[in-house]
Protein backbone atom coordinates (compact mmCIF):
# COMPACT_ATOMS: atom_id res chain seq x y z
CA UNK A 1 -8.62 -6.54 -49.09
CA UNK A 2 -11.92 -7.17 -50.91
CA UNK A 3 -14.57 -4.69 -51.97
CA UNK A 4 -16.86 -5.48 -49.06
CA UNK A 5 -14.18 -4.67 -46.49
CA UNK A 6 -13.28 -1.54 -48.40
CA UNK A 7 -16.90 -0.37 -48.37
CA UNK A 8 -17.60 -1.35 -44.75
CA UNK A 9 -14.42 -0.21 -43.04
CA UNK A 10 -11.85 1.66 -45.07
CA UNK A 11 -14.29 4.13 -46.59
CA UNK A 12 -15.58 4.98 -43.12
CA UNK A 13 -12.14 5.18 -41.58
CA UNK A 14 -10.75 7.25 -44.46
CA UNK A 15 -13.61 9.74 -44.37
CA UNK A 16 -12.55 13.24 -43.26
CA UNK A 17 -12.92 13.62 -39.52
CA UNK A 18 -15.33 16.23 -38.27
CA UNK A 19 -13.73 19.29 -36.81
CA UNK A 20 -13.27 18.70 -33.14
CA UNK A 21 -10.82 18.38 -30.31
CA UNK A 22 -7.56 16.57 -30.96
CA UNK A 23 -6.14 14.30 -28.30
CA UNK A 24 -3.35 16.80 -27.59
CA UNK A 25 -5.88 19.61 -27.21
CA UNK A 26 -8.13 17.49 -25.01
CA UNK A 27 -5.24 16.60 -22.70
CA UNK A 28 -4.13 20.23 -22.48
CA UNK A 29 -7.64 21.43 -21.62
CA UNK A 30 -8.30 18.57 -19.23
CA UNK A 31 -5.08 19.10 -17.29
CA UNK A 32 -5.97 22.75 -16.72
CA UNK A 33 -9.46 21.86 -15.46
CA UNK A 34 -8.77 18.80 -13.32
CA UNK A 35 -9.45 19.36 -9.63
CA UNK A 36 -7.26 16.46 -8.47
CA UNK A 37 -4.32 18.07 -10.22
CA UNK A 38 -5.14 21.40 -8.59
CA UNK A 39 -5.18 19.65 -5.23
CA UNK A 40 -1.77 18.13 -5.91
CA UNK A 41 -0.41 21.53 -6.96
CA UNK A 42 -1.67 22.97 -3.66
CA UNK A 43 0.05 20.09 -1.85
CA UNK A 44 3.34 21.06 -3.53
CA UNK A 45 2.88 24.68 -2.43
CA UNK A 46 2.12 23.55 1.11
CA UNK A 47 5.20 21.33 1.21
CA UNK A 48 7.40 24.18 0.03
CA UNK A 49 5.94 26.43 2.71
CA UNK A 50 6.69 23.73 5.29
CA UNK A 51 10.30 23.62 4.14
CA UNK A 52 10.56 27.41 4.44
CA UNK A 53 9.13 27.17 7.95
CA UNK A 54 11.70 24.57 8.95
CA UNK A 55 14.56 26.65 7.58
CA UNK A 56 13.37 29.86 9.24
CA UNK A 57 13.06 28.07 12.58
CA UNK A 58 16.85 28.19 12.81
CA UNK A 59 16.58 31.95 13.34
CA UNK A 60 14.79 31.47 16.61
CA UNK A 61 12.08 33.85 17.78
CA UNK A 62 11.53 37.49 18.67
CA UNK A 63 8.55 38.78 20.60
CA UNK A 64 7.27 41.93 22.23
CA UNK A 65 5.89 41.84 25.75
CA UNK A 66 3.58 44.15 27.62
CA UNK A 67 1.73 43.83 30.92
CA UNK A 68 -0.11 45.92 33.51
CA UNK A 69 -0.29 44.64 37.09
CA UNK A 70 -1.72 45.92 40.36
CA UNK A 71 -1.37 44.02 43.63
CA UNK A 72 -0.50 43.90 47.34
CA UNK A 73 1.39 40.63 47.45
CA UNK A 74 4.57 41.42 49.48
CA UNK A 75 6.88 39.59 47.13
CA UNK A 76 5.26 41.23 44.10
CA UNK A 77 5.45 44.72 45.67
CA UNK A 78 9.08 44.24 46.70
CA UNK A 79 10.15 42.97 43.27
CA UNK A 80 8.17 45.63 41.45
CA UNK A 81 9.65 48.50 43.44
CA UNK A 82 13.12 47.10 42.79
CA UNK A 83 12.43 46.94 39.04
CA UNK A 84 10.97 50.47 39.06
CA UNK A 85 13.89 51.86 41.05
CA UNK A 86 11.58 53.18 43.79
CA UNK A 87 12.71 50.91 46.62
CA UNK A 88 14.12 52.69 49.69
CA UNK A 89 14.75 51.98 53.35
CA UNK A 90 11.29 53.40 54.06
CA UNK A 91 9.87 50.57 52.04
CA UNK A 92 11.16 48.10 54.63
CA UNK A 93 8.71 49.45 57.20
CA UNK A 94 5.72 48.20 55.23
CA UNK A 95 7.29 45.21 53.58
CA UNK A 96 4.94 42.75 55.29
CA UNK A 97 1.84 44.89 54.70
CA UNK A 98 2.60 47.01 51.62
CA UNK A 99 0.41 49.51 49.86
CA UNK A 100 -0.91 48.45 46.46
CA UNK A 101 1.71 48.64 43.73
CA UNK A 102 0.99 48.99 40.07
CA UNK A 103 3.36 48.48 37.21
CA UNK A 104 3.49 49.07 33.46
CA UNK A 105 5.90 46.67 31.82
CA UNK A 106 7.10 46.64 28.22
CA UNK A 107 9.91 44.65 26.74
CA UNK A 108 11.34 42.43 24.03
CA UNK A 109 12.65 38.90 24.17
CA UNK A 110 14.70 36.96 21.63
CA UNK A 111 16.07 33.43 21.49
CA UNK A 112 18.25 31.61 18.99
CA UNK A 113 18.60 27.81 19.11
CA UNK A 114 22.21 26.68 19.14
CA UNK A 115 21.68 22.94 19.46
CA UNK A 116 18.35 21.10 19.37
CA UNK A 117 19.41 17.49 19.42
CA UNK A 118 19.35 17.54 15.57
CA UNK A 119 15.63 18.32 15.62
CA UNK A 120 16.05 21.42 13.43
CA UNK A 121 18.35 19.79 10.89
CA UNK A 122 16.07 16.76 10.72
CA UNK A 123 13.08 19.06 10.28
CA UNK A 124 14.76 20.76 7.31
CA UNK A 125 15.65 17.38 5.87
CA UNK A 126 12.06 16.18 6.19
CA UNK A 127 10.87 19.44 4.63
CA UNK A 128 13.07 18.87 1.58
CA UNK A 129 11.93 15.26 1.30
CA UNK A 130 8.30 16.32 1.70
CA UNK A 131 8.64 18.87 -1.09
CA UNK A 132 10.20 16.29 -3.40
CA UNK A 133 7.51 13.75 -2.53
CA UNK A 134 4.76 16.29 -3.21
CA UNK A 135 6.32 17.20 -6.55
CA UNK A 136 6.56 13.54 -7.53
CA UNK A 137 2.95 13.06 -6.46
CA UNK A 138 1.91 15.98 -8.65
CA UNK A 139 3.76 14.63 -11.68
CA UNK A 140 2.27 11.16 -11.19
CA UNK A 141 -1.19 12.67 -10.84
CA UNK A 142 -0.61 14.60 -14.05
CA UNK A 143 0.26 11.38 -15.88
CA UNK A 144 -2.81 9.69 -14.41
CA UNK A 145 -5.08 12.54 -15.51
CA UNK A 146 -3.50 12.42 -18.97
CA UNK A 147 -4.41 8.73 -19.20
CA UNK A 148 -7.93 9.40 -17.92
CA UNK A 149 -8.49 12.01 -20.63
CA UNK A 150 -6.96 9.74 -23.27
CA UNK A 151 -9.26 6.91 -22.18
CA UNK A 152 -12.33 9.14 -22.39
CA UNK A 153 -11.32 10.57 -25.77
CA UNK A 154 -10.72 7.10 -27.21
CA UNK A 155 -14.01 5.86 -25.75
CA UNK A 156 -15.93 8.57 -27.60
CA UNK A 157 -14.14 7.59 -30.82
CA UNK A 158 -15.18 3.97 -30.31
CA UNK A 159 -18.77 4.79 -29.42
CA UNK A 160 -19.07 7.13 -32.40
CA UNK A 161 -17.82 4.44 -34.76
CA UNK A 162 -20.14 1.79 -33.29
CA UNK A 163 -23.11 4.15 -33.55
CA UNK A 164 -22.27 4.87 -37.21
CA UNK A 165 -21.93 1.16 -37.98
CA UNK A 166 -25.23 0.36 -36.29
CA UNK A 167 -27.01 3.14 -38.20
CA UNK A 168 -25.60 1.93 -41.53
CA UNK A 169 -26.49 -1.69 -40.76
CA UNK A 170 -30.05 -0.82 -39.73
CA UNK A 171 -30.50 1.24 -42.90
CA UNK A 172 -29.27 -1.66 -45.03
CA UNK A 173 -31.45 -4.17 -43.22
CA UNK A 174 -34.52 -1.96 -43.61
CA UNK A 175 -33.85 -1.80 -47.36
CA UNK A 176 -33.69 -5.59 -47.54
CA UNK A 177 -36.91 -5.88 -45.53
CA UNK A 178 -38.73 -3.54 -47.90
CA UNK A 179 -37.76 -5.77 -50.78
CA UNK A 180 -38.74 -8.85 -48.79
CA UNK A 181 -42.12 -7.26 -48.00
CA UNK A 182 -42.90 -6.91 -51.68
CA UNK A 183 -41.75 -10.47 -52.35
CA UNK A 184 -43.81 -11.76 -49.42
CA UNK A 185 -46.89 -10.06 -50.78
CA UNK A 186 -46.31 -11.92 -54.02
CA UNK A 187 -45.82 -15.19 -52.17
CA UNK A 188 -42.13 -15.40 -53.05
CA UNK A 189 -40.90 -15.17 -49.41
CA UNK A 190 -42.06 -17.37 -46.59
CA UNK A 191 -43.82 -15.54 -43.80
CA UNK A 192 -41.75 -17.34 -41.20
CA UNK A 193 -38.54 -16.15 -42.83
CA UNK A 194 -39.85 -12.61 -43.12
CA UNK A 195 -40.87 -12.39 -39.47
CA UNK A 196 -37.59 -13.98 -38.42
CA UNK A 197 -35.79 -11.30 -40.43
CA UNK A 198 -37.90 -8.64 -38.72
CA UNK A 199 -36.80 -10.04 -35.36
CA UNK A 200 -33.15 -9.64 -36.42
CA UNK A 201 -33.88 -6.08 -37.57
CA UNK A 202 -35.38 -5.34 -34.17
CA UNK A 203 -32.19 -6.64 -32.55
CA UNK A 204 -30.11 -4.38 -34.81
CA UNK A 205 -32.30 -1.44 -33.90
CA UNK A 206 -31.74 -2.31 -30.27
CA UNK A 207 -27.99 -2.12 -30.87
CA UNK A 208 -28.44 1.27 -32.51
CA UNK A 209 -30.49 2.66 -29.61
CA UNK A 210 -28.05 1.30 -27.03
CA UNK A 211 -24.96 2.50 -28.86
CA UNK A 212 -26.45 5.93 -29.55
CA UNK A 213 -27.21 6.34 -25.84
CA UNK A 214 -23.71 5.15 -24.92
CA UNK A 215 -22.21 7.67 -27.35
CA UNK A 216 -24.28 10.49 -25.86
CA UNK A 217 -23.18 9.55 -22.34
CA UNK A 218 -19.49 9.31 -23.25
CA UNK A 219 -19.62 12.65 -25.04
CA UNK A 220 -21.10 14.29 -21.96
CA UNK A 221 -18.40 12.70 -19.79
CA UNK A 222 -15.71 14.00 -22.14
CA UNK A 223 -17.24 17.48 -22.00
CA UNK A 224 -17.21 17.41 -18.19
CA UNK A 225 -13.60 16.18 -18.22
CA UNK A 226 -12.67 19.19 -20.38
CA UNK A 227 -14.67 21.62 -18.18
CA UNK A 228 -17.14 22.23 -21.02
CA UNK A 229 -20.93 22.37 -20.89
CA UNK A 230 -22.16 18.74 -20.77
CA UNK A 231 -24.83 19.61 -23.33
CA UNK A 232 -22.25 20.89 -25.82
CA UNK A 233 -21.18 18.67 -28.70
CA UNK A 234 -17.57 17.94 -27.80
CA UNK A 235 -16.32 15.85 -30.72
CA UNK A 236 -12.89 14.20 -30.92
CA UNK A 237 -10.95 15.04 -34.07
CA UNK A 238 -9.73 11.69 -35.35
CA UNK A 239 -10.72 8.13 -36.09
CA UNK A 240 -9.85 4.74 -34.67
CA UNK A 241 -7.20 3.36 -37.01
CA UNK A 242 -4.32 0.95 -36.84
CA UNK A 243 -1.61 3.26 -35.45
CA UNK A 244 1.27 0.97 -36.31
CA UNK A 245 2.99 1.39 -32.97
CA UNK A 246 4.83 -1.88 -33.28
CA UNK A 247 6.05 -4.02 -30.39
CA UNK A 248 6.98 -2.43 -27.09
CA UNK A 249 10.14 -3.50 -25.28
CA UNK A 250 9.26 -5.13 -22.00
CA UNK A 251 12.79 -4.65 -20.71
CA UNK A 252 12.88 -0.95 -21.62
CA UNK A 253 9.50 -0.22 -20.08
CA UNK A 254 10.32 -2.21 -16.95
CA UNK A 255 13.59 -0.29 -16.58
CA UNK A 256 11.76 3.02 -17.06
CA UNK A 257 9.18 2.01 -14.46
CA UNK A 258 11.77 0.95 -11.89
CA UNK A 259 13.75 4.16 -12.24
CA UNK A 260 11.14 6.76 -13.10
CA UNK A 261 7.77 5.98 -11.54
CA UNK A 262 6.81 9.15 -9.72
CA UNK A 263 4.54 7.41 -7.24
CA UNK A 264 7.42 5.12 -6.29
CA UNK A 265 9.71 8.13 -5.92
CA UNK A 266 7.16 9.81 -3.68
CA UNK A 267 7.04 6.71 -1.48
CA UNK A 268 10.84 6.62 -1.38
CA UNK A 269 10.78 10.15 0.03
CA UNK A 270 8.00 9.20 2.45
CA UNK A 271 10.08 6.28 3.67
CA UNK A 272 13.07 8.57 4.17
CA UNK A 273 10.86 11.01 6.10
CA UNK A 274 9.73 8.21 8.40
CA UNK A 275 13.34 7.15 9.05
CA UNK A 276 14.28 10.75 9.81
CA UNK A 277 11.34 11.07 12.19
CA UNK A 278 12.58 7.94 13.96
CA UNK A 279 16.05 9.50 14.27
CA UNK A 280 14.50 12.68 15.70
CA UNK A 281 12.64 10.66 18.32
CA UNK A 282 15.76 8.70 19.23
CA UNK A 283 17.64 11.99 19.73
CA UNK A 284 14.91 13.55 21.83
CA UNK A 285 16.91 12.70 25.00
CA UNK A 286 19.77 14.95 23.90
CA UNK A 287 20.13 18.38 25.57
CA UNK A 288 19.07 21.56 23.82
CA UNK A 289 20.97 24.84 24.02
CA UNK A 290 19.50 28.26 23.32
CA UNK A 291 21.00 31.74 23.40
CA UNK A 292 18.51 34.27 24.73
CA UNK A 293 18.24 37.91 25.59
CA UNK A 294 15.60 40.17 27.14
CA UNK A 295 15.18 43.90 27.55
CA UNK A 296 12.46 45.18 29.82
CA UNK A 297 11.17 48.50 31.18
CA UNK A 298 8.99 49.02 34.24
CA UNK A 299 7.16 52.12 35.49
CA UNK A 300 4.52 53.00 38.04
CA UNK A 301 3.12 55.97 36.14
CA UNK A 302 4.04 55.63 32.43
CA UNK A 303 6.39 58.61 32.86
CA UNK A 304 9.56 57.31 34.45
CA UNK A 305 10.63 53.95 32.99
CA UNK A 306 13.55 52.00 34.35
CA UNK A 307 15.00 49.41 32.04
CA UNK A 308 16.99 46.22 32.58
CA UNK A 309 18.41 43.54 30.38
CA UNK A 310 19.52 39.94 30.59
CA UNK A 311 21.64 37.81 28.24
CA UNK A 312 22.48 34.16 28.62
CA UNK A 313 22.55 30.56 27.49
CA UNK A 314 19.78 28.17 28.40
CA UNK A 315 20.50 24.43 28.65
CA UNK A 316 17.61 21.99 28.83
CA UNK A 317 18.11 18.28 29.44
CA UNK A 318 14.99 16.11 29.23
CA UNK A 319 15.10 13.44 31.89
CA UNK A 320 12.69 10.77 32.89
CA UNK A 321 10.21 10.83 29.97
CA UNK A 322 8.24 7.66 30.68
CA UNK A 323 6.81 7.63 27.13
CA UNK A 324 10.20 7.77 25.39
CA UNK A 325 10.42 4.12 24.43
CA UNK A 326 6.77 4.00 23.42
CA UNK A 327 7.28 7.03 21.16
CA UNK A 328 10.39 5.45 19.71
CA UNK A 329 8.54 2.19 19.01
CA UNK A 330 5.70 4.08 17.33
CA UNK A 331 8.16 5.98 15.13
CA UNK A 332 9.90 2.73 14.19
CA UNK A 333 6.57 1.17 13.29
CA UNK A 334 5.81 4.11 11.02
CA UNK A 335 9.22 3.68 9.35
CA UNK A 336 8.58 -0.04 8.85
CA UNK A 337 5.15 0.68 7.38
CA UNK A 338 6.61 3.22 4.95
CA UNK A 339 9.29 0.73 3.87
CA UNK A 340 6.64 -1.95 3.25
CA UNK A 341 4.52 0.46 1.22
CA UNK A 342 7.57 1.31 -0.88
CA UNK A 343 8.42 -2.34 -1.51
CA UNK A 344 4.82 -3.08 -2.50
CA UNK A 345 4.70 -0.06 -4.84
CA UNK A 346 7.85 -1.25 -6.60
CA UNK A 347 6.40 -4.72 -7.00
CA UNK A 348 3.08 -3.33 -8.20
CA UNK A 349 4.80 -1.09 -10.74
CA UNK A 350 6.41 -4.12 -12.35
CA UNK A 351 3.09 -5.97 -12.40
CA UNK A 352 1.33 -3.02 -14.00
CA UNK A 353 3.90 -2.90 -16.79
CA UNK A 354 3.52 -6.64 -17.40
CA UNK A 355 -0.27 -6.45 -17.41
CA UNK A 356 -0.42 -3.48 -19.76
CA UNK A 357 2.09 -5.07 -22.15
CA UNK A 358 0.24 -8.39 -22.15
CA UNK A 359 -3.02 -6.62 -22.95
CA UNK A 360 -1.33 -4.55 -25.66
CA UNK A 361 0.26 -7.59 -27.27
CA UNK A 362 -3.04 -9.48 -27.14
CA UNK A 363 -4.80 -6.61 -28.93
CA UNK A 364 -1.96 -6.26 -31.43
CA UNK A 365 -1.99 -9.97 -32.25
CA UNK A 366 -5.78 -10.06 -32.30
CA UNK A 367 -6.14 -7.19 -34.77
CA UNK A 368 -5.33 -9.25 -37.94
CA UNK A 369 -7.78 -11.91 -36.74
CA UNK A 370 -10.49 -9.31 -36.21
CA UNK A 371 -9.79 -7.81 -39.64
CA UNK A 372 -9.97 -11.23 -41.28
CA UNK A 373 -13.26 -11.91 -39.51
CA UNK A 374 -14.71 -8.72 -41.02
CA UNK A 375 -13.48 -9.78 -44.44
CA UNK A 376 -15.05 -13.24 -44.17
CA UNK A 377 -18.33 -11.90 -42.81
CA UNK A 378 -18.46 -9.27 -45.58
CA UNK A 379 -17.73 -11.93 -48.21
CA UNK A 380 -20.52 -14.06 -46.83
CA UNK A 381 -22.97 -11.15 -47.00
CA UNK A 382 -21.99 -10.29 -50.58
CA UNK A 383 -22.53 -13.91 -51.60
CA UNK A 384 -25.92 -14.10 -49.89
CA UNK A 385 -27.38 -11.04 -51.58
CA UNK A 386 -27.39 -12.25 -55.25
CA UNK A 387 -28.57 -15.68 -54.14
CA UNK A 388 -31.41 -14.07 -52.22
CA UNK A 389 -32.42 -11.97 -55.20
CA UNK A 390 -32.39 -15.11 -57.32
CA UNK A 391 -34.71 -16.76 -54.81
CA UNK A 392 -32.07 -19.27 -53.75
CA UNK A 393 -31.57 -17.88 -50.23
CA UNK A 394 -33.88 -16.54 -47.57
CA UNK A 395 -34.00 -12.93 -46.47
CA UNK A 396 -33.51 -14.33 -42.99
CA UNK A 397 -30.02 -15.47 -43.96
CA UNK A 398 -29.24 -12.08 -45.48
CA UNK A 399 -30.08 -10.28 -42.25
CA UNK A 400 -28.19 -12.85 -40.24
CA UNK A 401 -25.20 -12.13 -42.45
CA UNK A 402 -25.67 -8.36 -41.91
CA UNK A 403 -25.81 -8.89 -38.16
CA UNK A 404 -22.63 -10.99 -38.37
CA UNK A 405 -20.87 -8.23 -40.29
CA UNK A 406 -21.92 -5.67 -37.67
CA UNK A 407 -20.66 -7.87 -34.85
CA UNK A 408 -17.37 -8.46 -36.68
CA UNK A 409 -16.93 -4.75 -37.37
CA UNK A 410 -17.70 -3.91 -33.75
CA UNK A 411 -15.13 -6.45 -32.58
CA UNK A 412 -12.58 -5.02 -35.02
CA UNK A 413 -13.00 -1.46 -33.76
CA UNK A 414 -13.04 -2.60 -30.14
CA UNK A 415 -9.68 -4.27 -30.82
CA UNK A 416 -8.36 -1.03 -32.32
CA UNK A 417 -9.64 0.79 -29.24
CA UNK A 418 -7.90 -1.66 -26.93
CA UNK A 419 -4.69 -1.42 -28.95
CA UNK A 420 -4.54 2.35 -28.47
CA UNK A 421 -5.77 2.26 -24.88
CA UNK A 422 -3.33 -0.43 -23.74
CA UNK A 423 -0.51 1.36 -25.52
CA UNK A 424 -1.29 4.45 -23.42
CA UNK A 425 -1.62 2.29 -20.31
CA UNK A 426 1.79 0.74 -20.90
CA UNK A 427 3.29 4.22 -21.20
CA UNK A 428 1.52 5.25 -18.00
CA UNK A 429 2.83 2.20 -16.16
CA UNK A 430 6.38 3.04 -17.23
CA UNK A 431 6.01 6.80 -16.57
CA UNK A 432 6.55 7.68 -20.24
CA UNK A 433 3.07 9.03 -21.02
CA UNK A 434 4.28 12.57 -21.61
CA UNK A 435 3.31 15.35 -24.01
CA UNK A 436 5.42 13.89 -26.82
CA UNK A 437 3.72 10.49 -26.49
CA UNK A 438 0.29 12.14 -26.51
CA UNK A 439 1.22 14.17 -29.59
CA UNK A 440 2.33 10.99 -31.36
CA UNK A 441 -0.95 9.25 -30.56
CA UNK A 442 -2.92 12.31 -31.64
CA UNK A 443 -1.11 12.39 -35.01
CA UNK A 444 -1.51 8.66 -35.63
CA UNK A 445 -5.25 8.83 -34.92
CA UNK A 446 -5.80 11.55 -37.47
CA UNK A 447 -5.83 14.67 -35.29
CA UNK A 448 -3.53 17.64 -35.74
CA UNK A 449 -1.07 18.34 -32.94
């Protein structure tokens, strides 16, 4: 590596990083603050509560009853007097035109399902599957948020480096223009070359303004991601460097994706839920059996209660539901839709792994080319400078060479950015972007774990 490359890149990259937030710290803070992750955690709690509800439904129900009535309906009066124990032969004289009867009733009623056409067992099964699906959804969301934070953290690193490069290039170009101004005043530099060089300097200043603004925006976005004040100076601790990850195994990542993708697992559970719902609908024509019992007291005056009880088995057979086949067809359609979504998710998971790996390999193979381009551009600039000072080259060419170096350096750091980003994306696609992977990236990029 020549002196120009050492001065332009390695000195900057090797400079001590400002105290700031490491990637591991950023991910930890961002995961705690992310609202999508909180939503997914609430979904897990809701699914667990649904499972508890399904399990407790096996215990049946217990309820208290109370009622006050007052009426002259013959049937009501007759039945009420029988329940109160006040019926006598004298009551028969007024049975068709009774006096008003009032009644205070209190009681309890309980029922326990014995057979529900597998509705209860299927409900518990769907509750378990729903809980597992929600948990898988939460874990996938956590991985996605981890990648989002990693992307934002890396983006600030890139924007900070580009802003630094632009500032250094503008400062160097301004120094050359000051020298050219003195030479122009002495008639040693053509005016056309000088003004052309000024135009290039203006372009470089435009880069600086644009990249400074982009850095400010990305810093604010990172602060918001970490639940910090957007106006605070949230600075990543680290630098974009060649992490030396090496090649990634396509077969290993594809195998990890096919067996471990949490979103695919969630859809597997959703498909199983849909099949279970179809089975429940198919069994809806089966009879249901319930054991029940009631205890009831009745009184005319709240002072002399007469109680009665009833125990039994209740059999219900649904017959003649005209919507049965339509309901069954709708449930089957839902099951087919869930199966198609699952198949597409599995296919998409494989494509995501391939895409991320292709992008990673392209960045990895392009990094030496980008580094060589910086070397050549820096060599060209170093050769132009003495020739310019000897009056054998125009200041216009010097600034063109400086602009070329800046563009080459920007391309080099963008390639480093892509290398790290696509590495994280490949891990996300294979469901291996965990805390250990984040800690490794944080260490390789210069931040403490």
